[in-house]
Amino acid sequence: MTSPVLPSESEAAVLEAVATGIPSALSDLGHLVRIPGMAWPAFDQTQLERSAEAVAALASGTGVFDEVRVLRAAIPGTDELGQPAVLATRAARNGKPTILLYAHHDVQPPGEDALWETPPFEPTVRDGRLYGRGAADDKAGIMSHIASVRAVSEALGDDLDLGIAMFIEGEEEYGSRSFAQFLSDNKDALRADAIVVADSGNWDSITPGLTVSLRGNARFTMRVRTLDHASHSGMFGGAVPDAMMATVTLLSTLWNADGSVAVEGMTERDASTPEYTEATLRDEAGLLPGTTPIGDGTILSRIWNKPSVTVIGIDATSVAAASNTLLPEVTVVVSARVAPGQSGQEAYDALEGHLRAHAPFGAELTFSDVDLGDGFLVDTSGWAVSLTRDAMRDGYGVPSVDLGVGGSIPFIADLVREFPAAQILVTGVEDPHSRAHSPNESLHLDTFRHAVATEALLLARMNAVEL
């Protein structure tokens, strides 16, 4: 591979095309945000189909791709098809590399509308941010791809020889159930020298981040039973353990007194982290004044390199329906984040073993709906990583920061398995105040502009690479 040499006038033309194209890109982003495409069966699936068709139309409208299709893949082990995905492809010319651009068009459910300052599917601009469900996660990722492809095509014209594949998934928020099968079905069309996964974040709204580590995940449902049937709490309370008592007692064993994970067999990664203060954590996470952080070690090591365990759901008698009754069973959903370097299966085995060993009063435990994903560590020595860091520096005007991310993108393990030679570049348009998955999700508009400039420069410079 020879180092790319892109004339300064070409780079200037690319950046000019980015600047002039931002208004159209934001308008298109607004149209996408208005489509409530959620992959959960409880929601209107025609909206997800509408979302896929809208993305396909945007890809076709660039005039760059040889073929644009809306496709579905089978969900392994079932008779079902996954949600609609968009696959756009353009063959490389004259010995140039190929880059695969990934994002997803499905979104999280909005939650309670009352918690939104403006309607979740009505894009609204205020204070330099675009608010709406999916405005950041991940429809802005889609539009960063579309806008950068438009800009490079406009600036380079017939000199654009880079191979480009674009894969916009339709079920990332629902577990990417057909992702691996989709890769297998379309392996030749997706094969690339570098893969940009535009579904992560940045250090802050003005400083770009290249994600070099991700935690894995282990999510499961646990049912706790102590009784064959509900009983009167006055008649039997004090002698009979109810399921809620057993559940609370059991769950408390998952953490040490400082809130760090107390499960033997869940590991941590030993790696340095940048300086990050408690004041910054309080600002970005919304900690109440009297609430203290949990865990030990540096704050970022707790988020990037150590495991965490969170109870994200519970089924029990509601407050409104409460009665003086000993509950026979309680069901909880536990979501663990797994340190990079440990497999999701290994972490889950440690968790299940811990819970069974600590079940109080002989409570009966049943585990189901296990969902596992492995973490990811980037090999930062590749040429595409160097190109990306340089493009970030020039697109944002400041040097990039290598980030660990506490969240998980389990399907990256599928990409690594199918395309072991590809360099994987995890980028994104979110900043710490984007509130992805939460009410009042938003996109910082200047971050979006810089992200598009970065990706356009990366594409243009890859177009100058000789393999």
Foldseek 3Di string as FASTA:
>chain_A
DDFFDDDPVLLVLLLVLLVVCLVVLVVLLLVLLLQQQAQDPVDDNVSLVVSQVSLQVLVVVLVAFPDKDWDWFCQPPDPDIGHTKIKTWDAFPDQFFEEEEEAASHFFPQPDQVVFPDGQSRWDDDPQWTWHTCSFRPSLSSSLVSSLSSSSCVSCPPLQRYIYMYMYHYHQVPQCRCVLRVCVVCVVRRAGQAYEYAGDAAAFLQFFEWEFKEWKKKKWKKKWFFDPAKDFCVVCPPPGAFAVNLVVQLVVCQADPQQAGPQPQQDWDDDDDDDDDPVNVCVLVVDDPPDDDGDDDHPQSSQFTGKHKDWDDKDDDDPVRDDRIRHRMMMTMMMMTGGAPDWQVSVVVSVVVSSVVRRPPPIDMDMDPIRIAHMGGFPCPDPLNVLLQVLLCVLSVHGHHHDGGNHGSRCVVSVCVSHVSHGYIYTYQHGSNQPGPHHGGIGRSSSSSSSSSSVSSSSSSSSSDRD
